[in-house]
PDB file of N, CA and C in Angstrom:
ATOM      1  N   MET A   1      16.105  -0.992 -11.604  1.00  0.00           N
ATOM      2  CA  MET A   1      15.820   0.298 -11.028  1.00  0.00           C
ATOM      3  C   MET A   1      15.784   0.107  -9.561  1.00  0.00           C
ATOM      4  N   LEU A   2      15.160  -0.898  -9.080  1.00  0.00           N
ATOM      5  CA  LEU A   2      15.143  -1.133  -7.568  1.00  0.00           C
ATOM      6  C   LEU A   2      16.501  -1.342  -7.012  1.00  0.00           C
ATOM      7  N   GLN A   3      17.356  -2.033  -7.723  1.00  0.00           N
ATOM      8  CA  GLN A   3      18.725  -2.215  -7.185  1.00  0.00           C
ATOM      9  C   GLN A   3      19.574  -0.833  -7.161  1.00  0.00           C
ATOM     10  N   GLU A   4      19.237   0.101  -7.961  1.00  0.00           N
ATOM     11  CA  GLU A   4      19.895   1.407  -7.930  1.00  0.00           C
ATOM     12  C   GLU A   4      19.243   2.250  -6.732  1.00  0.00           C
ATOM     13  N   ALA A   5      18.077   2.055  -6.461  1.00  0.00           N
ATOM     14  CA  ALA A   5      17.443   2.762  -5.444  1.00  0.00           C
ATOM     15  C   ALA A   5      17.364   2.148  -4.139  1.00  0.00           C
ATOM     16  N   LYS A   6      17.930   0.991  -3.954  1.00  0.00           N
ATOM     17  CA  LYS A   6      17.831   0.287  -2.760  1.00  0.00           C
ATOM     18  C   LYS A   6      18.417   0.893  -1.458  1.00  0.00           C
ATOM     19  N   ASP A   7      19.290   1.809  -1.761  1.00  0.00           N
ATOM     20  CA  ASP A   7      19.878   2.441  -0.604  1.00  0.00           C
ATOM     21  C   ASP A   7      19.049   3.604   0.004  1.00  0.00           C
ATOM     22  N   PHE A   8      17.899   3.924  -0.754  1.00  0.00           N
ATOM     23  CA  PHE A   8      17.093   5.039  -0.383  1.00  0.00           C
ATOM     24  C   PHE A   8      15.714   4.553  -0.050  1.00  0.00           C
ATOM     25  N   ILE A   9      15.208   3.303  -0.331  1.00  0.00           N
ATOM     26  CA  ILE A   9      13.747   3.018  -0.236  1.00  0.00           C
ATOM     27  C   ILE A   9      13.666   1.640   0.356  1.00  0.00           C
ATOM     28  N   THR A  10      12.473   1.259   0.634  1.00  0.00           N
ATOM     29  CA  THR A  10      12.270  -0.228   1.109  1.00  0.00           C
ATOM     30  C   THR A  10      11.018  -0.629   0.272  1.00  0.00           C
ATOM     31  N   TRP A  11      11.113  -2.008   0.064  1.00  0.00           N
ATOM     32  CA  TRP A  11      10.019  -2.523  -0.667  1.00  0.00           C
ATOM     33  C   TRP A  11       9.601  -4.067  -0.403  1.00  0.00           C
ATOM     34  N   GLY A  12       8.492  -4.485  -0.619  1.00  0.00           N
ATOM     35  CA  GLY A  12       8.129  -5.829  -0.477  1.00  0.00           C
ATOM     36  C   GLY A  12       6.738  -6.131  -0.984  1.00  0.00           C
ATOM     37  N   SER A  13       6.288  -7.362  -0.651  1.00  0.00           N
ATOM     38  CA  SER A  13       4.917  -7.694  -1.111  1.00  0.00           C
ATOM     39  C   SER A  13       3.969  -7.546   0.019  1.00  0.00           C
ATOM     40  N   LEU A  14       2.667  -7.179  -0.371  1.00  0.00           N
ATOM     41  CA  LEU A  14       1.600  -7.090   0.662  1.00  0.00           C
ATOM     42  C   LEU A  14       0.564  -8.190   0.547  1.00  0.00           C
ATOM     43  N   ASN A  15      -0.069  -8.404   1.769  1.00  0.00           N
ATOM     44  CA  ASN A  15      -1.195  -9.452   1.580  1.00  0.00           C
ATOM     45  C   ASN A  15      -2.550  -8.598   1.411  1.00  0.00           C
ATOM     46  N   PRO A  16      -3.547  -9.254   1.052  1.00  0.00           N
ATOM     47  CA  PRO A  16      -4.893  -8.587   0.691  1.00  0.00           C
ATOM     48  C   PRO A  16      -5.423  -7.831   1.830  1.00  0.00           C
ATOM     49  N   GLU A  17      -5.269  -8.413   3.040  1.00  0.00           N
ATOM     50  CA  GLU A  17      -5.794  -7.637   4.155  1.00  0.00           C
ATOM     51  C   GLU A  17      -5.178  -6.298   4.343  1.00  0.00           C
ATOM     52  N   VAL A  18      -3.864  -6.153   4.260  1.00  0.00           N
ATOM     53  CA  VAL A  18      -3.076  -4.929   4.489  1.00  0.00           C
ATOM     54  C   VAL A  18      -3.485  -3.937   3.371  1.00  0.00           C
ATOM     55  N   LEU A  19      -3.430  -4.421   2.018  1.00  0.00           N
ATOM     56  CA  LEU A  19      -3.911  -3.604   0.992  1.00  0.00           C
ATOM     57  C   LEU A  19      -5.253  -3.094   1.071  1.00  0.00           C
ATOM     58  N   GLU A  20      -6.303  -3.873   1.534  1.00  0.00           N
ATOM     59  CA  GLU A  20      -7.646  -3.584   1.788  1.00  0.00           C
ATOM     60  C   GLU A  20      -7.612  -2.447   2.818  1.00  0.00           C
ATOM     61  N   ALA A  21      -6.867  -2.511   3.944  1.00  0.00           N
ATOM     62  CA  ALA A  21      -6.850  -1.551   4.950  1.00  0.00           C
ATOM     63  C   ALA A  21      -6.204  -0.212   4.531  1.00  0.00           C
ATOM     64  N   LEU A  22      -5.079  -0.367   3.649  1.00  0.00           N
ATOM     65  CA  LEU A  22      -4.572   0.796   3.043  1.00  0.00           C
ATOM     66  C   LEU A  22      -5.515   1.645   2.170  1.00  0.00           C
ATOM     67  N   ILE A  23      -6.214   0.802   1.233  1.00  0.00           N
ATOM     68  CA  ILE A  23      -7.278   1.592   0.441  1.00  0.00           C
ATOM     69  C   ILE A  23      -8.339   2.195   1.269  1.00  0.00           C
ATOM     70  N   ARG A  24      -8.806   1.463   2.233  1.00  0.00           N
ATOM     71  CA  ARG A  24      -9.936   1.921   2.972  1.00  0.00           C
ATOM     72  C   ARG A  24      -9.641   3.171   3.895  1.00  0.00           C
ATOM     73  N   LYS A  25      -8.415   3.093   4.530  1.00  0.00           N
ATOM     74  CA  LYS A  25      -8.103   4.225   5.388  1.00  0.00           C
ATOM     75  C   LYS A  25      -7.410   5.360   4.852  1.00  0.00           C
ATOM     76  N   ARG A  26      -6.533   5.079   3.810  1.00  0.00           N
ATOM     77  CA  ARG A  26      -5.788   6.218   3.243  1.00  0.00           C
ATOM     78  C   ARG A  26      -6.068   6.506   1.748  1.00  0.00           C
ATOM     79  N   GLY A  27      -6.820   5.630   1.163  1.00  0.00           N
ATOM     80  CA  GLY A  27      -7.330   6.049  -0.223  1.00  0.00           C
ATOM     81  C   GLY A  27      -8.264   7.154  -0.212  1.00  0.00           C
ATOM     82  N   ARG A  28      -8.003   8.062  -1.156  1.00  0.00           N
ATOM     83  CA  ARG A  28      -8.790   9.144  -1.288  1.00  0.00           C
ATOM     84  C   ARG A  28      -9.098   9.512  -2.851  1.00  0.00           C
ATOM     85  N   LEU A  29     -10.285   9.857  -3.095  1.00  0.00           N
ATOM     86  CA  LEU A  29     -10.777  10.235  -4.391  1.00  0.00           C
ATOM     87  C   LEU A  29     -10.596  11.775  -4.697  1.00  0.00           C
ATOM     88  N   GLU A  30     -10.733  12.085  -5.721  1.00  0.00           N
ATOM     89  CA  GLU A  30     -10.757  13.544  -6.062  1.00  0.00           C
ATOM     90  C   GLU A  30     -11.640  14.312  -5.284  1.00  0.00           C
ATOM     91  N   GLY A  31     -11.442  15.455  -4.657  1.00  0.00           N
ATOM     92  CA  GLY A  31     -12.224  16.151  -3.763  1.00  0.00           C
ATOM     93  C   GLY A  31     -11.929  15.715  -2.312  1.00  0.00           C
ATOM     94  N   ASN A  32     -11.009  14.840  -2.026  1.00  0.00           N
ATOM     95  CA  ASN A  32     -10.704  14.282  -0.825  1.00  0.00           C
ATOM     96  C   ASN A  32     -11.827  13.350  -0.175  1.00  0.00           C
ATOM     97  N   ALA A  33     -12.714  12.687  -1.079  1.00  0.00           N
ATOM     98  CA  ALA A  33     -13.575  11.828  -0.528  1.00  0.00           C
ATOM     99  C   ALA A  33     -13.011  10.533  -0.407  1.00  0.00           C
ATOM    100  N   PRO A  34     -13.432   9.809   0.842  1.00  0.00           N
ATOM    101  CA  PRO A  34     -12.921   8.589   1.058  1.00  0.00           C
ATOM    102  C   PRO A  34     -13.407   7.436   0.131  1.00  0.00           C
ATOM    103  N   VAL A  35     -12.605   6.481   0.052  1.00  0.00           N
ATOM    104  CA  VAL A  35     -12.947   5.166  -0.828  1.00  0.00           C
ATOM    105  C   VAL A  35     -13.829   4.334   0.095  1.00  0.00           C
ATOM    106  N   THR A  36     -14.984   4.015  -0.399  1.00  0.00           N
ATOM    107  CA  THR A  36     -15.901   3.177   0.379  1.00  0.00           C
ATOM    108  C   THR A  36     -16.395   1.949  -0.419  1.00  0.00           C
ATOM    109  N   ASP A  37     -17.105   0.911   0.100  1.00  0.00           N
ATOM    110  CA  ASP A  37     -17.468  -0.151  -0.707  1.00  0.00           C
ATOM    111  C   ASP A  37     -18.616   0.276  -1.742  1.00  0.00           C
ATOM    112  N   GLU A  38     -19.328   1.350  -1.440  1.00  0.00           N
ATOM    113  CA  GLU A  38     -20.318   1.789  -2.370  1.00  0.00           C
ATOM    114  C   GLU A  38     -19.629   2.488  -3.622  1.00  0.00           C
ATOM    115  N   VAL A  39     -18.472   3.105  -3.426  1.00  0.00           N
ATOM    116  CA  VAL A  39     -17.753   3.768  -4.522  1.00  0.00           C
ATOM    117  C   VAL A  39     -17.057   2.740  -5.366  1.00  0.00           C
ATOM    118  N   ILE A  40     -16.547   1.725  -4.732  1.00  0.00           N
ATOM    119  CA  ILE A  40     -15.858   0.410  -5.492  1.00  0.00           C
ATOM    120  C   ILE A  40     -17.053  -0.131  -6.297  1.00  0.00           C
ATOM    121  N   ASP A  41     -18.206  -0.408  -5.717  1.00  0.00           N
ATOM    122  CA  ASP A  41     -19.376  -1.071  -6.387  1.00  0.00           C
ATOM    123  C   ASP A  41     -19.772  -0.230  -7.543  1.00  0.00           C
ATOM    124  N   SER A  42     -19.801   1.030  -7.447  1.00  0.00           N
ATOM    125  CA  SER A  42     -20.334   1.965  -8.528  1.00  0.00           C
ATOM    126  C   SER A  42     -19.295   2.155  -9.702  1.00  0.00           C
ATOM    127  N   LYS A  43     -18.037   2.214  -9.373  1.00  0.00           N
ATOM    128  CA  LYS A  43     -17.017   2.548 -10.304  1.00  0.00           C
ATOM    129  C   LYS A  43     -16.134   1.422 -10.958  1.00  0.00           C
ATOM    130  N   THR A  44     -16.281   0.169 -10.293  1.00  0.00           N
ATOM    131  CA  THR A  44     -15.504  -0.835 -10.831  1.00  0.00           C
ATOM    132  C   THR A  44     -16.524  -2.098 -10.963  1.00  0.00           C
ATOM    133  N   ARG A  45     -15.815  -3.138 -11.291  1.00  0.00           N
ATOM    134  CA  ARG A  45     -16.555  -4.382 -11.420  1.00  0.00           C
ATOM    135  C   ARG A  45     -16.640  -5.263 -10.265  1.00  0.00           C
ATOM    136  N   PHE A  46     -16.092  -4.722  -9.168  1.00  0.00           N
ATOM    137  CA  PHE A  46     -16.056  -5.388  -7.861  1.00  0.00           C
ATOM    138  C   PHE A  46     -17.042  -4.812  -6.822  1.00  0.00           C
ATOM    139  N   LYS A  47     -17.424  -5.641  -6.011  1.00  0.00           N
ATOM    140  CA  LYS A  47     -18.495  -5.230  -4.971  1.00  0.00           C
ATOM    141  C   LYS A  47     -17.965  -4.627  -3.749  1.00  0.00           C
ATOM    142  N   THR A  48     -16.717  -4.966  -3.244  1.00  0.00           N
ATOM    143  CA  THR A  48     -16.177  -4.480  -2.034  1.00  0.00           C
ATOM    144  C   THR A  48     -14.602  -4.174  -2.214  1.00  0.00           C
ATOM    145  N   ILE A  49     -14.185  -3.445  -1.375  1.00  0.00           N
ATOM    146  CA  ILE A  49     -12.745  -3.102  -1.284  1.00  0.00           C
ATOM    147  C   ILE A  49     -11.865  -4.346  -1.152  1.00  0.00           C
ATOM    148  N   GLY A  50     -12.323  -5.239  -0.364  1.00  0.00           N
ATOM    149  CA  GLY A  50     -11.609  -6.470  -0.172  1.00  0.00           C
ATOM    150  C   GLY A  50     -11.547  -7.289  -1.432  1.00  0.00           C
ATOM    151  N   GLU A  51     -12.570  -7.360  -2.254  1.00  0.00           N
ATOM    152  CA  GLU A  51     -12.423  -8.098  -3.530  1.00  0.00           C
ATOM    153  C   GLU A  51     -11.563  -7.319  -4.586  1.00  0.00           C
ATOM    154  N   PHE A  52     -11.691  -6.104  -4.457  1.00  0.00           N
ATOM    155  CA  PHE A  52     -10.735  -5.155  -5.327  1.00  0.00           C
ATOM    156  C   PHE A  52      -9.331  -5.287  -4.947  1.00  0.00           C
ATOM    157  N   ALA A  53      -9.029  -5.375  -3.649  1.00  0.00           N
ATOM    158  CA  ALA A  53      -7.452  -5.543  -3.183  1.00  0.00           C
ATOM    159  C   ALA A  53      -7.006  -6.884  -3.630  1.00  0.00           C
ATOM    160  N   LYS A  54      -7.784  -7.851  -3.467  1.00  0.00           N
ATOM    161  CA  LYS A  54      -7.493  -9.157  -3.765  1.00  0.00           C
ATOM    162  C   LYS A  54      -7.188  -9.404  -5.297  1.00  0.00           C
ATOM    163  N   ALA A  55      -7.970  -8.775  -6.202  1.00  0.00           N
ATOM    164  CA  ALA A  55      -7.823  -8.812  -7.557  1.00  0.00           C
ATOM    165  C   ALA A  55      -6.562  -8.065  -7.950  1.00  0.00           C
ATOM    166  N   ILE A  56      -6.266  -6.883  -7.341  1.00  0.00           N
ATOM    167  CA  ILE A  56      -5.065  -6.060  -7.704  1.00  0.00           C
ATOM    168  C   ILE A  56      -3.874  -7.041  -7.319  1.00  0.00           C
ATOM    169  N   LEU A  57      -3.751  -7.724  -6.142  1.00  0.00           N
ATOM    170  CA  LEU A  57      -2.700  -8.558  -5.949  1.00  0.00           C
ATOM    171  C   LEU A  57      -2.449  -9.795  -6.857  1.00  0.00           C
ATOM    172  N   GLU A  58      -3.579 -10.190  -7.355  1.00  0.00           N
ATOM    173  CA  GLU A  58      -3.632 -11.420  -8.250  1.00  0.00           C
ATOM    174  C   GLU A  58      -3.329 -11.034  -9.638  1.00  0.00           C
ATOM    175  N   GLY A  59      -3.399  -9.673 -10.024  1.00  0.00           N
ATOM    176  CA  GLY A  59      -2.994  -9.207 -11.296  1.00  0.00           C
ATOM    177  C   GLY A  59      -4.275  -9.201 -12.179  1.00  0.00           C
ATOM    178  N   GLU A  60      -5.476  -9.262 -11.656  1.00  0.00           N
ATOM    179  CA  GLU A  60      -6.683  -9.274 -12.379  1.00  0.00           C
ATOM    180  C   GLU A  60      -7.108  -7.766 -12.497  1.00  0.00           C
ATOM    181  N   ALA A  61      -6.677  -6.885 -11.613  1.00  0.00           N
ATOM    182  CA  ALA A  61      -7.119  -5.476 -11.632  1.00  0.00           C
ATOM    183  C   ALA A  61      -6.076  -4.668 -11.445  1.00  0.00           C
ATOM    184  N   GLU A  62      -6.275  -3.288 -11.604  1.00  0.00           N
ATOM    185  CA  GLU A  62      -5.197  -2.248 -11.273  1.00  0.00           C
ATOM    186  C   GLU A  62      -5.912  -1.106 -10.610  1.00  0.00           C
ATOM    187  N   LEU A  63      -5.113  -0.387  -9.864  1.00  0.00           N
ATOM    188  CA  LEU A  63      -5.648   0.763  -9.059  1.00  0.00           C
ATOM    189  C   LEU A  63      -6.235   1.804  -9.993  1.00  0.00           C
ATOM    190  N   SER A  64      -5.757   1.875 -11.350  1.00  0.00           N
ATOM    191  CA  SER A  64      -6.264   2.794 -12.322  1.00  0.00           C
ATOM    192  C   SER A  64      -7.592   2.491 -12.609  1.00  0.00           C
ATOM    193  N   GLU A  65      -8.164   1.365 -12.428  1.00  0.00           N
ATOM    194  CA  GLU A  65      -9.491   1.025 -12.798  1.00  0.00           C
ATOM    195  C   GLU A  65     -10.506   1.801 -11.993  1.00  0.00           C
ATOM    196  N   LEU A  66      -9.965   2.360 -10.777  1.00  0.00           N
ATOM    197  CA  LEU A  66     -10.881   3.151 -10.024  1.00  0.00           C
ATOM    198  C   LEU A  66     -10.575   4.678 -10.337  1.00  0.00           C
ATOM    199  N   LYS A  67     -11.593   5.078 -11.240  1.00  0.00           N
ATOM    200  CA  LYS A  67     -11.442   6.444 -11.741  1.00  0.00           C
ATOM    201  C   LYS A  67     -11.527   7.432 -10.624  1.00  0.00           C
ATOM    202  N   GLY A  68     -10.740   8.474 -10.623  1.00  0.00           N
ATOM    203  CA  GLY A  68     -10.610   9.458  -9.608  1.00  0.00           C
ATOM    204  C   GLY A  68      -9.932   9.180  -8.465  1.00  0.00           C
ATOM    205  N   LEU A  69      -9.247   8.013  -8.346  1.00  0.00           N
ATOM    206  CA  LEU A  69      -8.449   7.691  -7.162  1.00  0.00           C
ATOM    207  C   LEU A  69      -7.154   8.534  -7.171  1.00  0.00           C
ATOM    208  N   LYS A  70      -6.738   9.194  -6.130  1.00  0.00           N
ATOM    209  CA  LYS A  70      -5.480   9.960  -6.070  1.00  0.00           C
ATOM    210  C   LYS A  70      -4.420   8.978  -6.135  1.00  0.00           C
ATOM    211  N   LYS A  71      -3.355   9.275  -6.905  1.00  0.00           N
ATOM    212  CA  LYS A  71      -2.108   8.473  -7.133  1.00  0.00           C
ATOM    213  C   LYS A  71      -1.357   8.195  -5.950  1.00  0.00           C
ATOM    214  N   ALA A  72      -1.376   9.017  -4.921  1.00  0.00           N
ATOM    215  CA  ALA A  72      -0.517   8.757  -3.746  1.00  0.00           C
ATOM    216  C   ALA A  72      -1.296   8.454  -2.554  1.00  0.00           C
ATOM    217  N   PHE A  73      -0.851   7.610  -1.732  1.00  0.00           N
ATOM    218  CA  PHE A  73      -1.493   7.364  -0.274  1.00  0.00           C
ATOM    219  C   PHE A  73      -0.611   8.134   0.591  1.00  0.00           C
ATOM    220  N   ARG A  74      -1.226   9.028   1.317  1.00  0.00           N
ATOM    221  CA  ARG A  74      -0.510   9.910   2.429  1.00  0.00           C
ATOM    222  C   ARG A  74      -0.394   9.105   3.750  1.00  0.00           C
ATOM    223  N   LEU A  75       0.732   8.445   3.894  1.00  0.00           N
ATOM    224  CA  LEU A  75       1.060   7.594   5.021  1.00  0.00           C
ATOM    225  C   LEU A  75       1.803   8.390   6.090  1.00  0.00           C
ATOM    226  N   ARG A  76       1.611   8.036   7.338  1.00  0.00           N
ATOM    227  CA  ARG A  76       2.248   8.556   8.501  1.00  0.00           C
ATOM    228  C   ARG A  76       3.644   7.880   8.625  1.00  0.00           C
ATOM    229  N   PRO A  77       4.533   8.494   9.290  1.00  0.00           N
ATOM    230  CA  PRO A  77       5.834   7.696   9.705  1.00  0.00           C
ATOM    231  C   PRO A  77       5.340   6.671  10.507  1.00  0.00           C
ATOM    232  N   PRO A  78       6.102   5.402  10.473  1.00  0.00           N
ATOM    233  CA  PRO A  78       5.615   4.246  11.274  1.00  0.00           C
ATOM    234  C   PRO A  78       5.775   4.466  12.760  1.00  0.00           C
ATOM    235  N   LYS A  79       4.742   4.010  13.530  1.00  0.00           N
ATOM    236  CA  LYS A  79       4.650   3.964  15.000  1.00  0.00           C
ATOM    237  C   LYS A  79       5.980   3.230  15.482  1.00  0.00           C
ATOM    238  N   LYS A  80       6.577   3.697  16.391  1.00  0.00           N
ATOM    239  CA  LYS A  80       7.791   3.207  16.971  1.00  0.00           C
ATOM    240  C   LYS A  80       9.074   3.440  15.975  1.00  0.00           C
ATOM    241  N   GLY A  81       8.870   4.140  14.984  1.00  0.00           N
ATOM    242  CA  GLY A  81       9.865   4.679  14.167  1.00  0.00           C
ATOM    243  C   GLY A  81      10.596   3.553  13.257  1.00  0.00           C
ATOM    244  N   TYR A  82      11.581   4.075  12.551  1.00  0.00           N
ATOM    245  CA  TYR A  82      12.452   3.176  11.829  1.00  0.00           C
ATOM    246  C   TYR A  82      13.605   2.482  12.638  1.00  0.00           C
ATOM    247  N   LYS A  83      14.050   1.426  12.224  1.00  0.00           N
ATOM    248  CA  LYS A  83      15.252   0.931  12.969  1.00  0.00           C
ATOM    249  C   LYS A  83      16.543   1.629  12.636  1.00  0.00           C
ATOM    250  N   SER A  84      16.920   1.638  11.397  1.00  0.00           N
ATOM    251  CA  SER A  84      18.070   2.432  10.948  1.00  0.00           C
ATOM    252  C   SER A  84      17.772   2.775   9.482  1.00  0.00           C
ATOM    253  N   THR A  85      18.052   3.966   9.088  1.00  0.00           N
ATOM    254  CA  THR A  85      17.844   4.399   7.689  1.00  0.00           C
ATOM    255  C   THR A  85      19.230   4.456   6.995  1.00  0.00           C
ATOM    256  N   LYS A  86      20.217   3.921   7.623  1.00  0.00           N
ATOM    257  CA  LYS A  86      21.555   3.757   7.031  1.00  0.00           C
ATOM    258  C   LYS A  86      22.038   2.354   6.542  1.00  0.00           C
ATOM    259  N   ARG A  87      21.263   1.409   7.282  1.00  0.00           N
ATOM    260  CA  ARG A  87      21.601  -0.025   6.944  1.00  0.00           C
ATOM    261  C   ARG A  87      20.432  -0.708   6.197  1.00  0.00           C
ATOM    262  N   PRO A  88      20.963  -1.711   5.448  1.00  0.00           N
ATOM    263  CA  PRO A  88      19.915  -2.674   4.711  1.00  0.00           C
ATOM    264  C   PRO A  88      19.037  -3.385   5.814  1.00  0.00           C
ATOM    265  N   PHE A  89      17.818  -3.891   5.405  1.00  0.00           N
ATOM    266  CA  PHE A  89      16.999  -4.608   6.168  1.00  0.00           C
ATOM    267  C   PHE A  89      17.556  -5.819   6.676  1.00  0.00           C
ATOM    268  N   LYS A  90      18.320  -6.516   5.909  1.00  0.00           N
ATOM    269  CA  LYS A  90      18.834  -7.854   6.366  1.00  0.00           C
ATOM    270  C   LYS A  90      19.920  -7.640   7.374  1.00  0.00           C
ATOM    271  N   ASP A  91      20.446  -6.447   7.544  1.00  0.00           N
ATOM    272  CA  ASP A  91      21.462  -6.149   8.591  1.00  0.00           C
ATOM    273  C   ASP A  91      20.966  -5.322   9.810  1.00  0.00           C
ATOM    274  N   GLY A  92      19.576  -5.509   9.890  1.00  0.00           N
ATOM    275  CA  GLY A  92      18.905  -4.856  10.979  1.00  0.00           C
ATOM    276  C   GLY A  92      18.487  -3.446  10.713  1.00  0.00           C
ATOM    277  N   GLY A  93      18.583  -2.955   9.462  1.00  0.00           N
ATOM    278  CA  GLY A  93      18.184  -1.571   9.192  1.00  0.00           C
ATOM    279  C   GLY A  93      16.727  -1.528   8.638  1.00  0.00           C
ATOM    280  N   SER A  94      16.479  -0.441   7.674  1.00  0.00           N
ATOM    281  CA  SER A  94      15.139  -0.334   7.246  1.00  0.00           C
ATOM    282  C   SER A  94      15.085  -0.265   5.675  1.00  0.00           C
ATOM    283  N   LEU A  95      16.242  -0.340   5.091  1.00  0.00           N
ATOM    284  CA  LEU A  95      16.313  -0.126   3.613  1.00  0.00           C
ATOM    285  C   LEU A  95      16.329  -1.374   2.923  1.00  0.00           C
ATOM    286  N   GLY A  96      15.810  -1.451   1.629  1.00  0.00           N
ATOM    287  CA  GLY A  96      15.825  -2.468   0.773  1.00  0.00           C
ATOM    288  C   GLY A  96      14.697  -3.487   0.772  1.00  0.00           C
ATOM    289  N   PHE A  97      14.971  -4.727   0.299  1.00  0.00           N
ATOM    290  CA  PHE A  97      13.896  -5.626   0.192  1.00  0.00           C
ATOM    291  C   PHE A  97      13.514  -6.247   1.454  1.00  0.00           C
ATOM    292  N   ARG A  98      12.197  -6.317   1.814  1.00  0.00           N
ATOM    293  CA  ARG A  98      11.646  -6.745   3.010  1.00  0.00           C
ATOM    294  C   ARG A  98      10.775  -8.045   3.041  1.00  0.00           C
ATOM    295  N   ALA A  99      10.519  -8.305   1.708  1.00  0.00           N
ATOM    296  CA  ALA A  99       9.529  -9.444   1.516  1.00  0.00           C
ATOM    297  C   ALA A  99       8.174  -9.365   2.259  1.00  0.00           C
ATOM    298  N   GLU A 100       7.895 -10.352   3.033  1.00  0.00           N
ATOM    299  CA  GLU A 100       6.513 -10.372   3.626  1.00  0.00           C
ATOM    300  C   GLU A 100       6.564  -9.335   4.966  1.00  0.00           C
ATOM    301  N   LYS A 101       7.639  -9.016   5.387  1.00  0.00           N
ATOM    302  CA  LYS A 101       7.802  -8.078   6.503  1.00  0.00           C
ATOM    303  C   LYS A 101       7.330  -6.676   6.193  1.00  0.00           C
ATOM    304  N   MET A 102       7.128  -6.449   4.901  1.00  0.00           N
ATOM    305  CA  MET A 102       6.481  -5.095   4.449  1.00  0.00           C
ATOM    306  C   MET A 102       5.197  -4.877   5.006  1.00  0.00           C
ATOM    307  N   ASN A 103       4.425  -5.996   5.334  1.00  0.00           N
ATOM    308  CA  ASN A 103       3.008  -5.904   5.905  1.00  0.00           C
ATOM    309  C   ASN A 103       3.084  -5.247   7.226  1.00  0.00           C
ATOM    310  N   GLU A 104       4.100  -5.689   8.031  1.00  0.00           N
ATOM    311  CA  GLU A 104       4.131  -5.021   9.421  1.00  0.00           C
ATOM    312  C   GLU A 104       4.554  -3.563   9.348  1.00  0.00           C
ATOM    313  N   LEU A 105       5.386  -3.160   8.386  1.00  0.00           N
ATOM    314  CA  LEU A 105       5.702  -1.699   8.236  1.00  0.00           C
ATOM    315  C   LEU A 105       4.471  -0.854   7.795  1.00  0.00           C
ATOM    316  N   VAL A 106       3.833  -1.274   6.811  1.00  0.00           N
ATOM    317  CA  VAL A 106       2.685  -0.571   6.374  1.00  0.00           C
ATOM    318  C   VAL A 106       1.545  -0.501   7.300  1.00  0.00           C
ATOM    319  N   LYS A 107       1.309  -1.712   8.096  1.00  0.00           N
ATOM    320  CA  LYS A 107       0.298  -1.456   9.236  1.00  0.00           C
ATOM    321  C   LYS A 107       0.704  -0.535  10.193  1.00  0.00           C
ATOM    322  N   ARG A 108       2.010  -0.266  10.353  1.00  0.00           N
ATOM    323  CA  ARG A 108       2.354   0.762  11.420  1.00  0.00           C
ATOM    324  C   ARG A 108       2.226   2.230  10.731  1.00  0.00           C
ATOM    325  N   MET A 109       2.140   2.345   9.585  1.00  0.00           N
ATOM    326  CA  MET A 109       2.096   3.593   8.874  1.00  0.00           C
ATOM    327  C   MET A 109       0.705   3.975   8.502  1.00  0.00           C
ATOM    328  N   ILE A 110      -0.285   3.061   8.611  1.00  0.00           N
ATOM    329  CA  ILE A 110      -1.620   3.417   8.145  1.00  0.00           C
ATOM    330  C   ILE A 110      -2.298   4.262   9.180  1.00  0.00           C
TER     331      ILE A 110
END
């Protein structure tokens, strides 16, 4: 599926710090309430957002464990923009597989 969509999207892996920042700054519950450590502690088996993010990346938890979490993160366009939306990442563009460089893009979008 990714190979068919590679000309329209970009993807890669995140590290725990970036996922934690994404959940903390852009994660919203129903009613537009922010996700806080207190919410994570009361609705999941984890104490902090950092622990929850690390468990998600290790496959020990899923975002769906946090009941009431909206399914989409509303991100801004990246600061300093995209390089090119017509070429693949390996050729200096913005599309396709980024591997660890995905962290930089998400940080610019948070």
